[in-house]
Amino acid sequence: MFVRKGFDAPNDFEINEKGNFQKLVNRGELDEVYYIRQFAKYKGYTLPIWESGDEKLLLGEGSYTIAKELEFAPSDLPWERGLYKKWVPRIDIEEIVEERTPL
C-alpha cells in the first residue's frame, strides 16, 4: 500500500472532473502500469473513495452497522442497494491510502 502525502497533484499532472490525478502519455513511456484503488481513513475505519471534490470525498460502506455509526445514508440509486454513502470534508480524513495492483 502507498500512502499519499497531501492532496496536491504531482508535477505535470492535472486533477480531472472526478478528482483523480491524470496525465496523458504514450504507452512506450511507461515502465509499469497499475490499477489503483483509493481508500480514506475516517473515524478509525478505512473506506473506499467513490468520488472526490475540492473540499470533500464521497465515501461508501456496505455494512449497515458501520454506516449507522458514521451517519452514512443509503444510496438512492437502485443498482447500489445495500450501499451507504456520505460526503466527508477532507479536513476530517485521517489519511488517504492507495492499493496498487500491477496490470
Protein backbone atom coordinates (compact mmCIF):
# COMPACT_ATOMS: atom_id res chain seq x y z
CA MET A 1 0.00 0.00 0.00
CA PHE A 2 1.03 3.55 -0.72
CA VAL A 3 0.07 6.49 1.49
CA ARG A 4 -0.43 9.76 -0.38
CA LYS A 5 1.15 12.75 1.30
CA GLY A 6 -1.20 15.70 0.94
CA PHE A 7 -3.66 16.33 -1.85
CA ASP A 8 -1.64 18.30 -4.43
CA ALA A 9 -1.22 16.91 -7.95
CA PRO A 10 2.31 15.77 -8.85
CA ASN A 11 4.30 17.83 -11.39
CA ASP A 12 2.77 17.85 -14.89
CA PHE A 13 -0.45 16.20 -13.65
CA GLU A 14 -3.94 17.73 -13.57
CA ILE A 15 -6.94 16.85 -11.43
CA ASN A 16 -9.80 15.65 -13.64
CA GLU A 17 -13.56 16.11 -13.14
CA LYS A 18 -13.68 13.06 -10.83
CA GLY A 19 -10.89 14.39 -8.63
CA ASN A 20 -8.25 11.97 -9.90
CA PHE A 21 -4.74 12.92 -10.96
CA GLN A 22 -4.17 12.48 -14.70
CA LYS A 23 -1.50 12.95 -17.34
CA LEU A 24 -1.70 11.72 -20.92
CA VAL A 25 1.38 9.77 -22.02
CA ASN A 26 2.32 7.28 -24.74
CA ARG A 27 2.35 3.62 -23.69
CA GLY A 28 6.04 3.41 -24.61
CA GLU A 29 6.88 5.98 -21.93
CA LEU A 30 5.67 3.67 -19.15
CA ASP A 31 7.79 1.17 -17.26
CA GLU A 32 4.93 -0.17 -15.12
CA VAL A 33 1.11 0.04 -15.10
CA TYR A 34 -1.11 -0.37 -12.02
CA TYR A 35 -4.79 -0.47 -11.14
CA ILE A 36 -5.14 1.84 -8.14
CA ARG A 37 -7.90 1.70 -5.54
CA GLN A 38 -8.16 4.61 -3.12
CA PHE A 39 -9.31 4.44 0.48
CA ALA A 40 -9.76 7.07 3.17
CA LYS A 41 -9.24 6.53 6.87
CA TYR A 42 -12.20 8.19 8.58
CA LYS A 43 -13.06 7.89 12.28
CA GLY A 44 -10.89 4.78 12.56
CA TYR A 45 -12.35 2.99 9.51
CA THR A 46 -10.72 2.50 6.12
CA LEU A 47 -13.41 3.12 3.49
CA PRO A 48 -13.37 3.20 -0.32
CA ILE A 49 -13.43 6.60 -2.00
CA TRP A 50 -16.25 6.73 -4.58
CA GLU A 51 -15.75 10.32 -5.74
CA SER A 52 -13.72 13.32 -4.73
CA GLY A 53 -14.28 17.04 -4.88
CA ASP A 54 -12.19 20.06 -4.00
CA GLU A 55 -13.17 20.09 -0.34
CA LYS A 56 -14.73 16.66 0.29
CA LEU A 57 -14.71 12.94 -0.53
CA LEU A 58 -17.66 10.63 -1.14
CA LEU A 59 -17.08 7.51 0.96
CA GLY A 60 -19.04 4.28 0.71
CA GLU A 61 -19.76 1.41 3.10
CA GLY A 62 -21.74 -1.83 2.80
CA SER A 63 -22.11 -2.61 6.50
CA TYR A 64 -25.31 -1.22 7.98
CA THR A 65 -23.78 -1.18 11.48
CA ILE A 66 -20.73 0.85 10.42
CA ALA A 67 -22.82 3.11 8.17
CA LYS A 68 -25.22 3.86 11.02
CA GLU A 69 -22.33 4.67 13.39
CA LEU A 70 -20.77 7.03 10.80
CA GLU A 71 -24.14 8.53 9.81
CA PHE A 72 -23.96 7.38 6.18
CA ALA A 73 -27.22 7.48 4.21
CA PRO A 74 -28.50 4.67 1.95
CA SER A 75 -27.73 5.23 -1.73
CA ASP A 76 -30.69 6.48 -3.77
CA LEU A 77 -29.54 4.52 -6.82
CA PRO A 78 -31.39 1.21 -7.36
CA TRP A 79 -28.23 -0.61 -8.52
CA GLU A 80 -26.46 0.39 -5.28
CA ARG A 81 -28.85 -1.40 -2.96
CA GLY A 82 -27.16 -2.09 0.37
CA LEU A 83 -24.60 0.68 -0.12
CA TYR A 84 -24.39 3.65 2.24
CA LYS A 85 -22.55 6.83 1.27
CA LYS A 86 -21.56 10.17 2.76
CA TRP A 87 -19.68 13.26 1.58
CA VAL A 88 -16.95 13.90 4.14
CA PRO A 89 -14.87 17.10 4.39
CA ARG A 90 -11.22 16.44 3.53
CA ILE A 91 -10.23 18.08 6.80
CA ASP A 92 -11.89 15.14 8.62
CA ILE A 93 -9.94 12.49 6.68
CA GLU A 94 -7.11 10.98 8.71
CA GLU A 95 -5.20 9.52 5.75
CA ILE A 96 -5.53 8.56 2.07
CA VAL A 97 -4.32 5.06 1.26
CA GLU A 98 -3.81 3.62 -2.23
CA GLU A 99 -3.78 -0.08 -3.09
CA ARG A 100 -1.76 -0.74 -6.26
CA THR A 101 -2.22 -3.88 -8.35
CA PRO A 102 0.16 -4.41 -11.30
CA LEU A 103 -1.55 -4.82 -14.68
